[in-house]
Amino acid sequence: MGKRIWMLWAVGAVLAALFAVFVHVSTGGPWWPAIVAGALWALMTVGLTRWVQWRSARKLGLSGLAELTELGGAIKDERIPQDPAQQNALCTVIRQNRKRRHPARWSWLVVGAVMIWNAVSMWLRHGTAVGIISSAFVLAWIPAMYIADRRRQQKLRRLELRLQQPDSGHNPPPPAGGTPAPQDL
């Protein structure tokens, strides 16, 4: 749990720096208001993230953020928890994710349009060098996010299929070398 909160604050610090640079470049004003605005933006982002995590843990019937973190690790590692309550929570997470996917398909278009608009406005306002850099960022970021989203969806599909199997993945598959695992002997 401690490692995740520090990662969240590190993301918040990076957001603060990026927001401060963006505000400074776009307004051309002094640095201190940009840094204050970036710090407030980071605090708001981290606070909102923590609030959403607490709310998700409550909705899933988990006792706290530690169990939610464990569930997130299970999804990341594609392992099925032994606890039936956590298995039910994992099924709920997969179902909720699928429900949210259908109406959110348009979000890719909105994100792409905003990023392209930002790159063009940076190009027109700050010149060719900044425009090329921001365009390159857009051309790298959107496909990378799409690929990451596809991988996550495939991972959730595999987990859902494994959860629907009768043994629910409690027994690990036999090793590839052909030697049976000790519990299979």
N, C-alpha and C. Protein backbone atom coordinates (compact mmCIF):
# COMPACT_ATOMS: atom_id res chain seq x y z
N MET A 1 0.82 -1.19 0.00
CA MET A 1 0.00 0.00 0.00
C MET A 1 0.86 1.25 0.00
N GLY A 2 1.94 1.27 0.76
CA GLY A 2 2.79 2.45 0.85
C GLY A 2 3.45 2.79 -0.48
N LYS A 3 3.83 1.76 -1.23
CA LYS A 3 4.48 2.00 -2.52
C LYS A 3 3.51 2.65 -3.49
N ARG A 4 2.26 2.22 -3.48
CA ARG A 4 1.27 2.79 -4.41
C ARG A 4 0.97 4.25 -4.10
N ILE A 5 0.92 4.61 -2.83
CA ILE A 5 0.61 6.01 -2.51
C ILE A 5 1.76 6.90 -2.92
N TRP A 6 3.00 6.43 -2.79
CA TRP A 6 4.12 7.24 -3.23
C TRP A 6 4.15 7.35 -4.75
N MET A 7 3.76 6.29 -5.44
CA MET A 7 3.65 6.38 -6.90
C MET A 7 2.59 7.39 -7.28
N LEU A 8 1.47 7.40 -6.56
CA LEU A 8 0.40 8.35 -6.85
C LEU A 8 0.88 9.78 -6.63
N TRP A 9 1.63 10.03 -5.55
CA TRP A 9 2.15 11.37 -5.32
C TRP A 9 3.22 11.73 -6.34
N ALA A 10 3.98 10.74 -6.82
CA ALA A 10 4.97 11.03 -7.88
C ALA A 10 4.26 11.44 -9.16
N VAL A 11 3.18 10.75 -9.48
CA VAL A 11 2.38 11.14 -10.65
C VAL A 11 1.83 12.55 -10.44
N GLY A 12 1.39 12.85 -9.24
CA GLY A 12 0.89 14.19 -8.93
C GLY A 12 1.97 15.25 -9.10
N ALA A 13 3.21 14.94 -8.69
CA ALA A 13 4.31 15.90 -8.85
C ALA A 13 4.62 16.14 -10.32
N VAL A 14 4.60 15.05 -11.12
CA VAL A 14 4.82 15.20 -12.56
C VAL A 14 3.71 16.04 -13.18
N LEU A 15 2.46 15.79 -12.76
CA LEU A 15 1.33 16.60 -13.24
C LEU A 15 1.53 18.07 -12.87
N ALA A 16 1.98 18.31 -11.65
CA ALA A 16 2.21 19.69 -11.22
C ALA A 16 3.24 20.37 -12.10
N ALA A 17 4.34 19.66 -12.37
CA ALA A 17 5.39 20.25 -13.22
C ALA A 17 4.88 20.50 -14.63
N LEU A 18 4.19 19.52 -15.21
CA LEU A 18 3.67 19.70 -16.57
C LEU A 18 2.65 20.84 -16.64
N PHE A 19 1.77 20.90 -15.66
CA PHE A 19 0.76 21.95 -15.64
C PHE A 19 1.42 23.31 -15.46
N ALA A 20 2.44 23.39 -14.59
CA ALA A 20 3.14 24.65 -14.36
C ALA A 20 3.83 25.12 -15.65
N VAL A 21 4.48 24.21 -16.35
CA VAL A 21 5.13 24.57 -17.61
C VAL A 21 4.08 25.01 -18.63
N PHE A 22 2.99 24.29 -18.71
CA PHE A 22 1.93 24.64 -19.66
C PHE A 22 1.36 26.03 -19.37
N VAL A 23 1.07 26.31 -18.09
CA VAL A 23 0.53 27.61 -17.72
C VAL A 23 1.55 28.71 -18.02
N HIS A 24 2.81 28.46 -17.70
CA HIS A 24 3.84 29.47 -17.94
C HIS A 24 4.02 29.74 -19.43
N VAL A 25 4.05 28.68 -20.24
CA VAL A 25 4.24 28.84 -21.68
C VAL A 25 3.02 29.51 -22.31
N SER A 26 1.83 29.13 -21.87
CA SER A 26 0.64 29.67 -22.52
C SER A 26 0.34 31.10 -22.09
N THR A 27 0.69 31.49 -20.85
CA THR A 27 0.40 32.85 -20.41
C THR A 27 1.60 33.77 -20.54
N GLY A 28 2.79 33.22 -20.47
CA GLY A 28 4.00 34.03 -20.55
C GLY A 28 4.26 34.82 -19.28
N GLY A 29 3.56 34.53 -18.22
CA GLY A 29 3.70 35.25 -16.97
C GLY A 29 4.84 34.70 -16.13
N PRO A 30 4.93 35.16 -14.87
CA PRO A 30 5.98 34.68 -13.98
C PRO A 30 5.76 33.22 -13.60
N TRP A 31 6.81 32.60 -13.05
CA TRP A 31 6.76 31.17 -12.73
C TRP A 31 5.94 30.86 -11.50
N TRP A 32 5.97 31.71 -10.46
CA TRP A 32 5.36 31.32 -9.18
C TRP A 32 3.86 31.05 -9.29
N PRO A 33 3.05 31.83 -10.06
CA PRO A 33 1.64 31.45 -10.16
C PRO A 33 1.46 30.12 -10.89
N ALA A 34 2.34 29.86 -11.86
CA ALA A 34 2.25 28.59 -12.58
C ALA A 34 2.56 27.42 -11.66
N ILE A 35 3.53 27.59 -10.78
CA ILE A 35 3.89 26.51 -9.85
C ILE A 35 2.77 26.29 -8.83
N VAL A 36 2.19 27.37 -8.33
CA VAL A 36 1.07 27.25 -7.39
C VAL A 36 -0.12 26.56 -8.06
N ALA A 37 -0.43 26.98 -9.30
CA ALA A 37 -1.54 26.35 -10.04
C ALA A 37 -1.25 24.87 -10.29
N GLY A 38 -0.01 24.55 -10.62
CA GLY A 38 0.36 23.14 -10.83
C GLY A 38 0.23 22.32 -9.56
N ALA A 39 0.64 22.90 -8.42
CA ALA A 39 0.53 22.17 -7.15
C ALA A 39 -0.94 21.95 -6.79
N LEU A 40 -1.77 22.96 -7.01
CA LEU A 40 -3.20 22.79 -6.74
C LEU A 40 -3.82 21.74 -7.65
N TRP A 41 -3.43 21.75 -8.92
CA TRP A 41 -3.92 20.76 -9.88
C TRP A 41 -3.52 19.35 -9.44
N ALA A 42 -2.27 19.19 -9.01
CA ALA A 42 -1.80 17.87 -8.56
C ALA A 42 -2.54 17.42 -7.31
N LEU A 43 -2.75 18.32 -6.35
CA LEU A 43 -3.50 17.96 -5.14
C LEU A 43 -4.92 17.54 -5.48
N MET A 44 -5.54 18.28 -6.39
CA MET A 44 -6.89 17.94 -6.79
C MET A 44 -6.92 16.57 -7.49
N THR A 45 -5.95 16.30 -8.35
CA THR A 45 -5.92 15.03 -9.06
C THR A 45 -5.69 13.85 -8.11
N VAL A 46 -4.73 13.99 -7.21
CA VAL A 46 -4.44 12.92 -6.25
C VAL A 46 -5.62 12.72 -5.31
N GLY A 47 -6.20 13.81 -4.83
CA GLY A 47 -7.36 13.69 -3.94
C GLY A 47 -8.54 13.03 -4.61
N LEU A 48 -8.81 13.41 -5.85
CA LEU A 48 -9.91 12.80 -6.60
C LEU A 48 -9.65 11.32 -6.85
N THR A 49 -8.42 10.98 -7.15
CA THR A 49 -8.06 9.57 -7.38
C THR A 49 -8.28 8.76 -6.10
N ARG A 50 -7.84 9.28 -4.97
CA ARG A 50 -8.03 8.56 -3.70
C ARG A 50 -9.51 8.41 -3.37
N TRP A 51 -10.30 9.46 -3.61
CA TRP A 51 -11.73 9.40 -3.33
C TRP A 51 -12.39 8.34 -4.19
N VAL A 52 -12.03 8.26 -5.48
CA VAL A 52 -12.60 7.25 -6.37
C VAL A 52 -12.19 5.85 -5.90
N GLN A 53 -10.95 5.69 -5.43
CA GLN A 53 -10.51 4.39 -4.93
C GLN A 53 -11.31 3.98 -3.71
N TRP A 54 -11.52 4.89 -2.76
CA TRP A 54 -12.32 4.56 -1.58
C TRP A 54 -13.74 4.19 -1.96
N ARG A 55 -14.33 4.95 -2.88
CA ARG A 55 -15.69 4.68 -3.31
C ARG A 55 -15.79 3.32 -4.00
N SER A 56 -14.80 3.00 -4.83
CA SER A 56 -14.79 1.69 -5.50
C SER A 56 -14.67 0.56 -4.50
N ALA A 57 -13.80 0.73 -3.51
CA ALA A 57 -13.63 -0.31 -2.49
C ALA A 57 -14.94 -0.53 -1.74
N ARG A 58 -15.65 0.55 -1.40
CA ARG A 58 -16.93 0.41 -0.70
C ARG A 58 -17.97 -0.28 -1.57
N LYS A 59 -18.04 0.10 -2.85
CA LYS A 59 -19.03 -0.50 -3.75
C LYS A 59 -18.77 -1.98 -3.96
N LEU A 60 -17.50 -2.37 -3.95
CA LEU A 60 -17.15 -3.77 -4.16
C LEU A 60 -17.27 -4.59 -2.88
N GLY A 61 -17.53 -3.94 -1.76
CA GLY A 61 -17.66 -4.65 -0.49
C GLY A 61 -16.32 -5.04 0.11
N LEU A 62 -15.26 -4.35 -0.27
CA LEU A 62 -13.94 -4.63 0.27
C LEU A 62 -13.73 -3.82 1.54
N SER A 63 -12.85 -4.31 2.41
CA SER A 63 -12.67 -3.65 3.70
C SER A 63 -11.85 -2.38 3.60
N GLY A 64 -11.08 -2.21 2.55
CA GLY A 64 -10.28 -1.00 2.45
C GLY A 64 -9.46 -0.96 1.17
N LEU A 65 -8.59 0.03 1.13
CA LEU A 65 -7.77 0.21 -0.06
C LEU A 65 -6.73 -0.90 -0.22
N ALA A 66 -6.35 -1.55 0.87
CA ALA A 66 -5.36 -2.63 0.76
C ALA A 66 -5.94 -3.78 -0.08
N GLU A 67 -7.20 -4.11 0.17
CA GLU A 67 -7.83 -5.18 -0.62
C GLU A 67 -8.03 -4.75 -2.07
N LEU A 68 -8.34 -3.48 -2.29
CA LEU A 68 -8.48 -2.97 -3.65
C LEU A 68 -7.15 -3.01 -4.38
N THR A 69 -6.07 -2.69 -3.67
CA THR A 69 -4.74 -2.75 -4.25
C THR A 69 -4.39 -4.20 -4.59
N GLU A 70 -4.75 -5.12 -3.70
CA GLU A 70 -4.50 -6.55 -3.95
C GLU A 70 -5.29 -7.03 -5.18
N LEU A 71 -6.51 -6.56 -5.31
CA LEU A 71 -7.33 -6.91 -6.47
C LEU A 71 -6.72 -6.35 -7.75
N GLY A 72 -6.22 -5.12 -7.68
CA GLY A 72 -5.55 -4.53 -8.84
C GLY A 72 -4.30 -5.31 -9.22
N GLY A 73 -3.56 -5.78 -8.22
CA GLY A 73 -2.39 -6.63 -8.49
C GLY A 73 -2.78 -7.95 -9.12
N ALA A 74 -3.91 -8.51 -8.69
CA ALA A 74 -4.39 -9.77 -9.27
C ALA A 74 -4.75 -9.56 -10.74
N ILE A 75 -5.37 -8.43 -11.05
CA ILE A 75 -5.71 -8.14 -12.45
C ILE A 75 -4.43 -7.95 -13.26
N LYS A 76 -3.48 -7.22 -12.70
CA LYS A 76 -2.22 -6.96 -13.41
C LYS A 76 -1.46 -8.25 -13.70
N ASP A 77 -1.42 -9.15 -12.69
CA ASP A 77 -0.69 -10.42 -12.84
C ASP A 77 -1.53 -11.52 -13.46
N GLU A 78 -2.79 -11.24 -13.74
CA GLU A 78 -3.74 -12.21 -14.30
C GLU A 78 -3.87 -13.44 -13.41
N ARG A 79 -3.94 -13.23 -12.12
CA ARG A 79 -4.15 -14.35 -11.21
C ARG A 79 -5.52 -14.20 -10.55
N ILE A 80 -6.09 -15.32 -10.23
CA ILE A 80 -7.41 -15.31 -9.60
C ILE A 80 -7.23 -15.49 -8.11
N PRO A 81 -7.80 -14.59 -7.30
CA PRO A 81 -7.64 -14.70 -5.84
C PRO A 81 -8.30 -15.97 -5.31
N GLN A 82 -7.78 -16.48 -4.21
CA GLN A 82 -8.32 -17.68 -3.57
C GLN A 82 -9.62 -17.38 -2.82
N ASP A 83 -9.74 -16.17 -2.29
CA ASP A 83 -10.90 -15.79 -1.49
C ASP A 83 -12.13 -15.62 -2.39
N PRO A 84 -13.23 -16.33 -2.11
CA PRO A 84 -14.43 -16.21 -2.94
C PRO A 84 -14.99 -14.79 -2.99
N ALA A 85 -14.87 -14.04 -1.89
CA ALA A 85 -15.37 -12.66 -1.89
C ALA A 85 -14.57 -11.81 -2.88
N GLN A 86 -13.26 -12.03 -2.92
CA GLN A 86 -12.44 -11.28 -3.88
C GLN A 86 -12.69 -11.75 -5.31
N GLN A 87 -13.01 -13.03 -5.49
CA GLN A 87 -13.37 -13.50 -6.83
C GLN A 87 -14.65 -12.81 -7.30
N ASN A 88 -15.63 -12.69 -6.40
CA ASN A 88 -16.86 -11.98 -6.76
C ASN A 88 -16.57 -10.51 -7.07
N ALA A 89 -15.69 -9.89 -6.28
CA ALA A 89 -15.32 -8.50 -6.54
C ALA A 89 -14.63 -8.38 -7.89
N LEU A 90 -13.79 -9.37 -8.24
CA LEU A 90 -13.11 -9.36 -9.54
C LEU A 90 -14.13 -9.48 -10.67
N CYS A 91 -15.12 -10.36 -10.51
CA CYS A 91 -16.19 -10.48 -11.52
C CYS A 91 -16.94 -9.16 -11.66
N THR A 92 -17.21 -8.50 -10.54
CA THR A 92 -17.91 -7.22 -10.58
C THR A 92 -17.09 -6.16 -11.31
N VAL A 93 -15.79 -6.13 -11.04
CA VAL A 93 -14.90 -5.17 -11.72
C VAL A 93 -14.92 -5.41 -13.22
N ILE A 94 -14.85 -6.66 -13.63
CA ILE A 94 -14.86 -6.99 -15.07
C ILE A 94 -16.18 -6.59 -15.69
N ARG A 95 -17.30 -6.88 -15.01
CA ARG A 95 -18.62 -6.50 -15.54
C ARG A 95 -18.77 -4.99 -15.65
N GLN A 96 -18.37 -4.28 -14.61
CA GLN A 96 -18.45 -2.81 -14.63
C GLN A 96 -17.59 -2.23 -15.74
N ASN A 97 -16.42 -2.82 -15.94
CA ASN A 97 -15.54 -2.34 -17.00
C ASN A 97 -16.19 -2.51 -18.36
N ARG A 98 -16.84 -3.65 -18.56
CA ARG A 98 -17.50 -3.91 -19.84
C ARG A 98 -18.65 -2.94 -20.07
N LYS A 99 -19.41 -2.64 -19.00
CA LYS A 99 -20.52 -1.69 -19.12
C LYS A 99 -20.03 -0.29 -19.48
N ARG A 100 -18.91 0.10 -18.88
CA ARG A 100 -18.37 1.43 -19.14
C ARG A 100 -17.74 1.55 -20.51
N ARG A 101 -17.33 0.45 -21.10
CA ARG A 101 -16.64 0.49 -22.39
C ARG A 101 -17.54 0.95 -23.51
N HIS A 102 -18.77 0.50 -23.55
CA HIS A 102 -19.64 0.80 -24.70
C HIS A 102 -19.94 2.29 -24.84
N PRO A 103 -20.38 2.99 -23.79
CA PRO A 103 -20.64 4.42 -23.99
C PRO A 103 -19.36 5.26 -24.10
N ALA A 104 -18.21 4.72 -23.72
CA ALA A 104 -16.99 5.51 -23.70
C ALA A 104 -16.19 5.42 -25.00
N ARG A 105 -16.72 4.77 -26.02
CA ARG A 105 -15.97 4.65 -27.26
C ARG A 105 -15.73 6.00 -27.93
N TRP A 106 -16.66 6.92 -27.77
CA TRP A 106 -16.51 8.23 -28.36
C TRP A 106 -15.38 9.03 -27.72
N SER A 107 -14.94 8.63 -26.52
CA SER A 107 -13.91 9.40 -25.82
C SER A 107 -12.59 9.42 -26.58
N TRP A 108 -12.31 8.35 -27.35
CA TRP A 108 -11.09 8.35 -28.16
C TRP A 108 -11.11 9.48 -29.18
N LEU A 109 -12.27 9.72 -29.77
CA LEU A 109 -12.38 10.81 -30.73
C LEU A 109 -12.19 12.17 -30.05
N VAL A 110 -12.77 12.34 -28.89
CA VAL A 110 -12.66 13.61 -28.18
C VAL A 110 -11.21 13.85 -27.76
N VAL A 111 -10.56 12.84 -27.19
CA VAL A 111 -9.17 12.99 -26.76
C VAL A 111 -8.28 13.31 -27.97
N GLY A 112 -8.50 12.60 -29.07
CA GLY A 112 -7.71 12.86 -30.28
C GLY A 112 -7.93 14.27 -30.79
N ALA A 113 -9.17 14.73 -30.83
CA ALA A 113 -9.47 16.08 -31.32
C ALA A 113 -8.83 17.14 -30.42
N VAL A 114 -8.92 16.97 -29.11
CA VAL A 114 -8.33 17.93 -28.18
C VAL A 114 -6.81 17.97 -28.34
N MET A 115 -6.19 16.80 -28.45
CA MET A 115 -4.74 16.77 -28.58
C MET A 115 -4.29 17.38 -29.90
N ILE A 116 -5.00 17.11 -30.97
CA ILE A 116 -4.64 17.69 -32.27
C ILE A 116 -4.84 19.21 -32.22
N TRP A 117 -5.95 19.66 -31.64
CA TRP A 117 -6.18 21.09 -31.50
C TRP A 117 -5.07 21.75 -30.69
N ASN A 118 -4.65 21.10 -29.61
CA ASN A 118 -3.58 21.64 -28.78
C ASN A 118 -2.28 21.72 -29.58
N ALA A 119 -1.96 20.68 -30.35
CA ALA A 119 -0.73 20.70 -31.14
C ALA A 119 -0.77 21.82 -32.18
N VAL A 120 -1.89 21.99 -32.85
CA VAL A 120 -2.01 23.05 -33.86
C VAL A 120 -1.91 24.42 -33.21
N SER A 121 -2.57 24.61 -32.07
CA SER A 121 -2.51 25.91 -31.42
C SER A 121 -1.10 26.21 -30.92
N MET A 122 -0.39 25.20 -30.41
CA MET A 122 1.01 25.40 -30.00
C MET A 122 1.86 25.77 -31.21
N TRP A 123 1.60 25.13 -32.34
CA TRP A 123 2.35 25.40 -33.57
C TRP A 123 2.14 26.85 -34.00
N LEU A 124 0.88 27.30 -34.00
CA LEU A 124 0.58 28.65 -34.46
C LEU A 124 1.06 29.72 -33.47
N ARG A 125 1.00 29.42 -32.19
CA ARG A 125 1.35 30.44 -31.20
C ARG A 125 2.85 30.51 -30.93
N HIS A 126 3.51 29.34 -30.90
CA HIS A 126 4.91 29.32 -30.46
C HIS A 126 5.90 28.95 -31.55
N GLY A 127 5.44 28.66 -32.72
CA GLY A 127 6.38 28.42 -33.81
C GLY A 127 6.50 26.96 -34.20
N THR A 128 7.33 26.76 -35.20
CA THR A 128 7.47 25.45 -35.81
C THR A 128 8.06 24.40 -34.87
N ALA A 129 9.10 24.76 -34.13
CA ALA A 129 9.78 23.78 -33.27
C ALA A 129 8.82 23.22 -32.22
N VAL A 130 8.10 24.11 -31.54
CA VAL A 130 7.14 23.66 -30.52
C VAL A 130 6.02 22.87 -31.17
N GLY A 131 5.57 23.30 -32.35
CA GLY A 131 4.52 22.59 -33.06
C GLY A 131 4.92 21.19 -33.46
N ILE A 132 6.14 21.04 -33.92
CA ILE A 132 6.62 19.70 -34.30
C ILE A 132 6.73 18.80 -33.08
N ILE A 133 7.25 19.36 -31.98
CA ILE A 133 7.38 18.56 -30.76
C ILE A 133 6.00 18.13 -30.25
N SER A 134 5.05 19.05 -30.21
CA SER A 134 3.71 18.69 -29.72
C SER A 134 3.00 17.74 -30.67
N SER A 135 3.22 17.89 -31.98
CA SER A 135 2.62 16.95 -32.94
C SER A 135 3.22 15.56 -32.79
N ALA A 136 4.54 15.49 -32.57
CA ALA A 136 5.18 14.19 -32.36
C ALA A 136 4.63 13.53 -31.09
N PHE A 137 4.43 14.33 -30.06
CA PHE A 137 3.85 13.80 -28.82
C PHE A 137 2.47 13.20 -29.09
N VAL A 138 1.64 13.92 -29.84
CA VAL A 138 0.29 13.43 -30.17
C VAL A 138 0.38 12.14 -30.97
N LEU A 139 1.27 12.12 -31.96
CA LEU A 139 1.40 10.94 -32.82
C LEU A 139 1.94 9.73 -32.06
N ALA A 140 2.64 9.95 -30.97
CA ALA A 140 3.12 8.82 -30.16
C ALA A 140 2.14 8.46 -29.06
N TRP A 141 1.50 9.45 -28.46
CA TRP A 141 0.67 9.22 -27.27
C TRP A 141 -0.62 8.49 -27.60
N ILE A 142 -1.35 8.92 -28.61
CA ILE A 142 -2.66 8.32 -28.90
C ILE A 142 -2.53 6.83 -29.24
N PRO A 143 -1.63 6.42 -30.14
CA PRO A 143 -1.51 4.97 -30.38
C PRO A 143 -1.04 4.20 -29.15
N ALA A 144 -0.15 4.79 -28.36
CA ALA A 144 0.32 4.10 -27.16
C ALA A 144 -0.83 3.88 -26.18
N MET A 145 -1.68 4.86 -26.00
CA MET A 145 -2.82 4.72 -25.10
C MET A 145 -3.83 3.70 -25.66
N TYR A 146 -4.02 3.70 -26.96
CA TYR A 146 -4.95 2.75 -27.57
C TYR A 146 -4.43 1.31 -27.38
N ILE A 147 -3.14 1.11 -27.60
CA ILE A 147 -2.54 -0.22 -27.44
C ILE A 147 -2.63 -0.67 -25.97
N ALA A 148 -2.35 0.24 -25.05
CA ALA A 148 -2.44 -0.11 -23.62
C ALA A 148 -3.88 -0.47 -23.25
N ASP A 149 -4.85 0.26 -23.80
CA ASP A 149 -6.25 -0.05 -23.52
C ASP A 149 -6.64 -1.42 -24.08
N ARG A 150 -6.20 -1.71 -25.29
CA ARG A 150 -6.50 -3.03 -25.89
C ARG A 150 -5.89 -4.16 -25.07
N ARG A 151 -4.67 -3.98 -24.61
CA ARG A 151 -4.02 -5.02 -23.79
C ARG A 151 -4.79 -5.24 -22.49
N ARG A 152 -5.23 -4.15 -21.87
CA ARG A 152 -6.00 -4.28 -20.63
C ARG A 152 -7.31 -5.01 -20.89
N GLN A 153 -7.98 -4.69 -21.98
CA GLN A 153 -9.24 -5.37 -22.30
C GLN A 153 -9.02 -6.85 -22.56
N GLN A 154 -7.95 -7.19 -23.26
CA GLN A 154 -7.64 -8.61 -23.50
C GLN A 154 -7.33 -9.32 -22.19
N LYS A 155 -6.61 -8.68 -21.31
CA LYS A 155 -6.29 -9.26 -20.00
C LYS A 155 -7.57 -9.52 -19.21
N LEU A 156 -8.49 -8.55 -19.22
CA LEU A 156 -9.75 -8.74 -18.51
C LEU A 156 -10.59 -9.85 -19.13
N ARG A 157 -10.57 -9.97 -20.45
CA ARG A 157 -11.30 -11.07 -21.11
C ARG A 157 -10.73 -12.43 -20.71
N ARG A 158 -9.39 -12.53 -20.68
CA ARG A 158 -8.77 -13.80 -20.27
C ARG A 158 -9.14 -14.13 -18.83
N LEU A 159 -9.09 -13.13 -17.95
CA LEU A 159 -9.47 -13.37 -16.55
C LEU A 159 -10.92 -13.80 -16.43
N GLU A 160 -11.80 -13.17 -17.21
CA GLU A 160 -13.22 -13.53 -17.16
C GLU A 160 -13.42 -14.97 -17.61
N LEU A 161 -12.72 -15.38 -18.66
CA LEU A 161 -12.84 -16.77 -19.12
C LEU A 161 -12.33 -17.74 -18.06
N ARG A 162 -11.23 -17.40 -17.41
CA ARG A 162 -10.69 -18.27 -16.37
C ARG A 162 -11.62 -18.33 -15.16
N LEU A 163 -12.29 -17.21 -14.84
CA LEU A 163 -13.23 -17.21 -13.72
C LEU A 163 -14.45 -18.07 -14.00
N GLN A 164 -14.82 -18.19 -15.27
CA GLN A 164 -15.99 -18.98 -15.63
C GLN A 164 -15.68 -20.47 -15.68
N GLN A 165 -14.40 -20.86 -15.67
CA GLN A 165 -14.05 -22.27 -15.66
C GLN A 165 -14.41 -22.87 -14.30
N PRO A 166 -14.70 -24.18 -14.27
CA PRO A 166 -15.13 -24.80 -13.02
C PRO A 166 -14.13 -24.68 -11.87
N ASP A 167 -12.82 -24.82 -12.16
CA ASP A 167 -11.87 -24.78 -11.04
C ASP A 167 -11.43 -23.35 -10.73
N SER A 168 -11.88 -22.37 -11.51
CA SER A 168 -11.60 -20.94 -11.30
C SER A 168 -10.12 -20.64 -11.18
N GLY A 169 -9.28 -21.45 -11.76
CA GLY A 169 -7.86 -21.14 -11.79
C GLY A 169 -7.14 -21.37 -10.49
N HIS A 170 -7.74 -22.15 -9.55
CA HIS A 170 -7.06 -22.38 -8.28
C HIS A 170 -5.82 -23.24 -8.48
N ASN A 171 -5.89 -24.19 -9.40
CA ASN A 171 -4.73 -25.03 -9.66
C ASN A 171 -3.93 -24.43 -10.79
N PRO A 172 -2.63 -24.22 -10.57
CA PRO A 172 -1.82 -23.67 -11.65
C PRO A 172 -1.69 -24.70 -12.78
N PRO A 173 -1.52 -24.23 -14.02
CA PRO A 173 -1.37 -25.17 -15.13
C PRO A 173 -0.07 -25.95 -14.99
N PRO A 174 0.00 -27.16 -15.56
CA PRO A 174 1.24 -27.93 -15.46
C PRO A 174 2.36 -27.22 -16.20
N PRO A 175 3.59 -27.42 -15.76
CA PRO A 175 4.73 -26.76 -16.42
C PRO A 175 4.84 -27.18 -17.88
N ALA A 176 5.46 -26.32 -18.68
CA ALA A 176 5.57 -26.57 -20.11
C ALA A 176 6.47 -27.76 -20.42
N GLY A 177 7.38 -28.12 -19.52
CA GLY A 177 8.32 -29.21 -19.75
C GLY A 177 7.68 -30.58 -19.72
N GLY A 178 6.42 -30.68 -19.39
CA GLY A 178 5.74 -31.96 -19.39
C GLY A 178 5.76 -32.65 -18.04
N THR A 179 6.50 -32.16 -17.06
CA THR A 179 6.54 -32.77 -15.75
C THR A 179 5.32 -32.31 -14.98
N PRO A 180 4.56 -33.24 -14.42
CA PRO A 180 3.36 -32.82 -13.69
C PRO A 180 3.73 -32.10 -12.40
N ALA A 181 2.86 -31.20 -12.01
CA ALA A 181 3.05 -30.47 -10.75
C ALA A 181 2.82 -31.45 -9.60
N PRO A 182 3.38 -31.17 -8.39
CA PRO A 182 3.25 -32.11 -7.26
C PRO A 182 1.81 -32.43 -6.90
N GLN A 183 0.88 -31.50 -7.01
CA GLN A 183 -0.49 -31.80 -6.63
C GLN A 183 -1.17 -32.72 -7.66
N ASP A 184 -0.62 -32.83 -8.89
CA ASP A 184 -1.19 -33.68 -9.91
C ASP A 184 -0.74 -35.14 -9.78
N LEU A 185 0.28 -35.40 -8.99
CA LEU A 185 0.80 -36.78 -8.87
C LEU A 185 -0.07 -37.66 -8.02
